[in-house]
Amino acid sequence: MGTEPFRLKWVRVQENLPMSELRDCVLRYDLPLEWVDEAVRYGQAADRWRFLAGRRLRLEYLRMYEIASERWREFEVDKFGRPYFPGGPDFNISHSGGWIGMATHAEHRVGFDVEKHREIDSGLFSRQFSAMELMHIQHAEDEKRAFFDSWSKKEAVMKADGRGMRIPVHSIVLNEAGAALAEEQWHCRTVNPTGDSRATFVDYSAHLCSRVAIKNWESEVELW
């Protein structure tokens, strides 16, 4: 199992899809109808679609590891609110903009984060980055991408660790391999929906994180 790649599954949704199509989507993908009632609790249409796509990815997780789809109710959350499937491989889901992605591996713990680029003032984040990290961002050819690349690495580490935002962002120190948290090294890899490490993920930054070096990863995309 040592050569098994990390696996990424993405769902791409149109953020402006009308609510009237939500039930049609559930029927088309044979999803539990009760998910419609859960989705409508969200005030924004985009959040409803992200919720539904995230649930769809949980079913994909069951398929990947040959677990009966009827067991979808068995997903739980730990004391930090991190979802998991009892006794199953680790997985992590993230969403931003119209992209919702899930990372998983049969043996290793994973962290995953995707960030849509938006206008920012990197100077306002001086408490989250070291002076050297902030200098790297502000002197980069593309400051916006440099900022969100750095931010998504830190978020991926926080999610892999499991404590999430309970970890002070500044305590994660970026380095060549990924990032260090306390005395533990985490390895980070830039990823995208194409599965091609040389491809540019336009207007987004995404990183996969694990305690082991990420040599191989595969990606699949589902368009809604």
Protein backbone atom coordinates (compact mmCIF):
# COMPACT_ATOMS: atom_id res chain seq x y z
CA MET A 1 0.00 0.00 0.00
CA GLY A 2 3.03 2.27 0.29
CA THR A 3 2.79 3.33 -3.36
CA GLU A 4 -0.93 4.10 -3.33
CA PRO A 5 -1.49 7.71 -4.40
CA PHE A 6 -3.37 10.32 -2.47
CA ARG A 7 -6.76 10.75 -4.09
CA LEU A 8 -8.68 13.92 -4.82
CA LYS A 9 -12.29 14.14 -5.92
CA TRP A 10 -13.76 17.50 -6.96
CA VAL A 11 -17.27 18.74 -7.61
CA ARG A 12 -17.61 21.94 -9.65
CA VAL A 13 -20.92 23.75 -9.14
CA GLN A 14 -22.35 26.88 -10.66
CA GLU A 15 -22.78 29.23 -7.73
CA ASN A 16 -25.85 30.87 -9.25
CA LEU A 17 -27.88 27.71 -9.92
CA PRO A 18 -31.51 28.30 -8.90
CA MET A 19 -33.01 26.53 -5.90
CA SER A 20 -35.55 24.87 -8.21
CA GLU A 21 -32.78 22.65 -9.60
CA LEU A 22 -31.69 21.35 -6.20
CA ARG A 23 -34.20 18.50 -6.05
CA ASP A 24 -33.54 17.60 -9.70
CA CYS A 25 -29.84 17.30 -8.88
CA VAL A 26 -30.58 15.05 -5.90
CA LEU A 27 -32.70 12.76 -8.08
CA ARG A 28 -30.19 12.77 -10.94
CA TYR A 29 -27.36 11.60 -8.69
CA ASP A 30 -29.59 9.30 -6.63
CA LEU A 31 -28.84 11.18 -3.42
CA PRO A 32 -30.96 10.88 -0.25
CA LEU A 33 -33.98 13.16 -0.58
CA GLU A 34 -33.67 14.26 3.04
CA TRP A 35 -30.54 16.14 2.02
CA VAL A 36 -32.78 18.65 0.23
CA ASP A 37 -34.43 19.56 3.54
CA GLU A 38 -31.01 19.98 5.15
CA ALA A 39 -29.72 22.10 2.26
CA VAL A 40 -32.60 24.58 2.34
CA ARG A 41 -31.66 25.56 5.89
CA TYR A 42 -28.81 27.55 4.39
CA GLY A 43 -29.78 31.11 3.51
CA GLN A 44 -27.53 31.51 0.47
CA ALA A 45 -28.05 29.42 -2.68
CA ALA A 46 -24.30 28.89 -3.10
CA ASP A 47 -24.07 27.45 0.43
CA ARG A 48 -26.91 25.04 -0.33
CA TRP A 49 -25.08 23.72 -3.36
CA ARG A 50 -21.79 23.43 -1.47
CA PHE A 51 -23.53 21.49 1.30
CA LEU A 52 -25.07 19.11 -1.21
CA ALA A 53 -21.76 18.64 -3.06
CA GLY A 54 -20.00 17.91 0.21
CA ARG A 55 -22.54 15.20 1.00
CA ARG A 56 -22.09 13.85 -2.52
CA LEU A 57 -18.36 13.53 -1.84
CA ARG A 58 -19.08 11.47 1.26
CA LEU A 59 -20.89 8.97 -0.93
CA GLU A 60 -17.90 8.98 -3.27
CA TYR A 61 -15.68 8.19 -0.29
CA LEU A 62 -17.82 5.12 0.48
CA ARG A 63 -17.59 4.01 -3.15
CA MET A 64 -13.80 4.45 -3.23
CA TYR A 65 -13.32 2.14 -0.29
CA GLU A 66 -16.04 -0.35 -1.22
CA ILE A 67 -18.29 0.55 1.70
CA ALA A 68 -22.05 0.17 1.19
CA SER A 69 -23.60 3.54 0.30
CA GLU A 70 -26.45 2.82 2.74
CA ARG A 71 -23.98 3.43 5.55
CA TRP A 72 -23.77 7.18 4.86
CA ARG A 73 -25.48 7.88 8.17
CA GLU A 74 -22.49 6.42 10.02
CA PHE A 75 -20.26 9.43 9.42
CA GLU A 76 -19.41 11.15 12.70
CA VAL A 77 -17.51 14.22 13.90
CA ASP A 78 -14.76 14.21 16.51
CA LYS A 79 -14.45 16.56 19.49
CA PHE A 80 -12.99 19.26 17.23
CA GLY A 81 -15.83 18.98 14.70
CA ARG A 82 -13.76 17.10 12.10
CA PRO A 83 -15.85 14.56 10.11
CA TYR A 84 -14.68 10.94 9.90
CA PHE A 85 -15.98 7.48 9.11
CA PRO A 86 -15.42 5.08 12.04
CA GLY A 87 -12.72 2.56 11.15
CA GLY A 88 -12.32 3.98 7.64
CA PRO A 89 -9.48 5.81 5.88
CA ASP A 90 -8.95 9.47 6.64
CA PHE A 91 -10.50 12.15 4.45
CA ASN A 92 -10.81 15.92 4.40
CA ILE A 93 -13.21 18.20 2.51
CA SER A 94 -12.80 21.87 1.62
CA HIS A 95 -14.72 24.35 -0.51
CA SER A 96 -14.30 27.83 -1.88
CA GLY A 97 -16.11 29.59 -4.69
CA GLY A 98 -17.57 26.99 -7.02
CA TRP A 99 -15.09 24.23 -6.12
CA ILE A 100 -15.67 21.56 -3.47
CA GLY A 101 -12.90 18.99 -3.06
CA MET A 102 -12.14 15.91 -0.99
CA ALA A 103 -8.73 14.39 -0.29
CA THR A 104 -8.21 10.91 1.09
CA HIS A 105 -5.64 8.15 1.52
CA ALA A 106 -6.00 4.55 2.66
CA GLU A 107 -3.15 4.78 5.19
CA HIS A 108 -2.20 8.37 5.97
CA ARG A 109 -3.93 11.29 7.64
CA VAL A 110 -4.66 14.12 5.22
CA GLY A 111 -5.39 17.81 5.28
CA PHE A 112 -6.83 19.68 2.30
CA ASP A 113 -7.67 23.30 1.63
CA VAL A 114 -8.82 25.24 -1.43
CA GLU A 115 -9.02 29.04 -1.52
CA LYS A 116 -10.56 31.29 -4.17
CA HIS A 117 -8.40 34.34 -4.82
CA ARG A 118 -9.89 37.66 -3.82
CA GLU A 119 -8.60 41.14 -3.15
CA ILE A 120 -6.64 41.33 0.11
CA ASP A 121 -4.22 43.59 1.94
CA SER A 122 -1.52 41.17 3.03
CA GLY A 123 -0.26 43.68 5.60
CA LEU A 124 -3.41 43.10 7.65
CA PHE A 125 -2.27 39.51 8.23
CA SER A 126 1.06 40.31 9.87
CA ARG A 127 0.01 38.42 13.00
CA GLN A 128 -0.62 35.23 11.00
CA PHE A 129 2.70 35.26 9.11
CA SER A 130 6.28 35.62 10.20
CA ALA A 131 8.24 38.62 8.95
CA MET A 132 10.05 36.40 6.45
CA GLU A 133 6.81 34.81 5.20
CA LEU A 134 5.18 38.20 4.79
CA MET A 135 8.22 39.56 2.93
CA HIS A 136 8.07 36.59 0.54
CA ILE A 137 4.39 37.30 -0.15
CA GLN A 138 4.73 41.04 -0.63
CA HIS A 139 7.74 40.74 -2.95
CA ALA A 140 6.29 37.96 -5.07
CA GLU A 141 5.55 38.58 -8.74
CA ASP A 142 1.90 37.71 -8.05
CA GLU A 143 1.24 38.86 -4.48
CA LYS A 144 -2.35 37.61 -4.43
CA ARG A 145 -1.38 34.07 -5.47
CA ALA A 146 1.57 34.05 -3.07
CA PHE A 147 -0.72 35.04 -0.21
CA PHE A 148 -3.37 32.40 -0.91
CA ASP A 149 -0.77 29.72 -1.62
CA SER A 150 0.74 30.40 1.80
CA TRP A 151 -2.64 30.63 3.51
CA SER A 152 -3.95 27.38 2.02
CA LYS A 153 -0.80 25.55 3.14
CA LYS A 154 -1.36 26.71 6.70
CA GLU A 155 -5.05 25.80 6.57
CA ALA A 156 -4.22 22.34 5.19
CA VAL A 157 -1.84 21.75 8.11
CA MET A 158 -4.47 22.91 10.62
CA LYS A 159 -7.00 20.51 9.12
CA ALA A 160 -4.56 17.61 8.95
CA ASP A 161 -3.64 18.14 12.59
CA GLY A 162 -7.34 18.03 13.38
CA ARG A 163 -7.65 21.01 15.71
CA GLY A 164 -8.44 23.43 12.90
CA MET A 165 -8.72 27.10 13.85
CA ARG A 166 -7.87 26.25 17.45
CA ILE A 167 -4.27 26.31 16.25
CA PRO A 168 -2.81 29.85 16.07
CA VAL A 169 -2.05 30.46 12.39
CA HIS A 170 1.29 32.12 13.20
CA SER A 171 2.49 28.96 14.98
CA ILE A 172 2.62 27.15 11.63
CA VAL A 173 5.97 27.95 10.04
CA LEU A 174 6.23 27.49 6.28
CA ASN A 175 9.32 25.78 4.92
CA GLU A 176 10.54 24.14 1.72
CA ALA A 177 8.84 20.80 2.42
CA GLY A 178 5.59 22.32 3.60
CA ALA A 179 5.26 23.56 7.14
CA ALA A 180 6.28 22.84 10.71
CA LEU A 181 3.92 22.89 13.67
CA ALA A 182 5.68 22.68 17.04
CA GLU A 183 8.25 19.93 16.43
CA GLU A 184 6.27 18.13 13.76
CA GLN A 185 6.96 18.45 10.03
CA TRP A 186 4.02 18.38 7.63
CA HIS A 187 4.51 17.87 3.91
CA CYS A 188 2.43 19.99 1.51
CA ARG A 189 1.78 19.59 -2.20
CA THR A 190 0.15 22.05 -4.58
CA VAL A 191 -2.81 20.35 -6.27
CA ASN A 192 -5.52 21.17 -8.80
CA PRO A 193 -8.52 19.49 -10.43
CA THR A 194 -6.61 18.49 -13.59
CA GLY A 195 -4.27 16.13 -11.77
CA ASP A 196 -1.34 17.70 -13.63
CA SER A 197 1.21 19.14 -11.20
CA ARG A 198 2.41 21.54 -13.90
CA ALA A 199 -1.05 23.03 -14.53
CA THR A 200 -2.11 26.38 -13.11
CA PHE A 201 -5.28 26.42 -11.02
CA VAL A 202 -6.63 29.75 -12.30
CA ASP A 203 -7.88 32.09 -9.54
CA TYR A 204 -7.53 29.40 -6.87
CA SER A 205 -4.90 27.94 -4.56
CA ALA A 206 -5.16 24.40 -3.20
CA HIS A 207 -2.86 22.27 -1.07
CA LEU A 208 -2.77 18.71 0.12
CA CYS A 209 -0.98 17.95 3.39
CA SER A 210 0.23 14.84 5.20
CA ARG A 211 2.95 13.69 7.58
CA VAL A 212 4.61 11.80 4.71
CA ALA A 213 6.01 13.18 1.46
CA ILE A 214 3.27 13.32 -1.16
CA LYS A 215 4.87 11.77 -4.23
CA ASN A 216 1.75 10.65 -6.11
CA TRP A 217 -1.75 12.07 -6.29
CA GLU A 218 -4.72 11.51 -8.57
CA SER A 219 -7.63 13.82 -9.33
CA GLU A 220 -11.18 13.37 -10.67
CA VAL A 221 -13.75 16.06 -11.43
CA GLU A 222 -17.53 15.97 -11.50
CA LEU A 223 -19.31 18.97 -13.05
CA TRP A 224 -22.75 20.06 -11.83
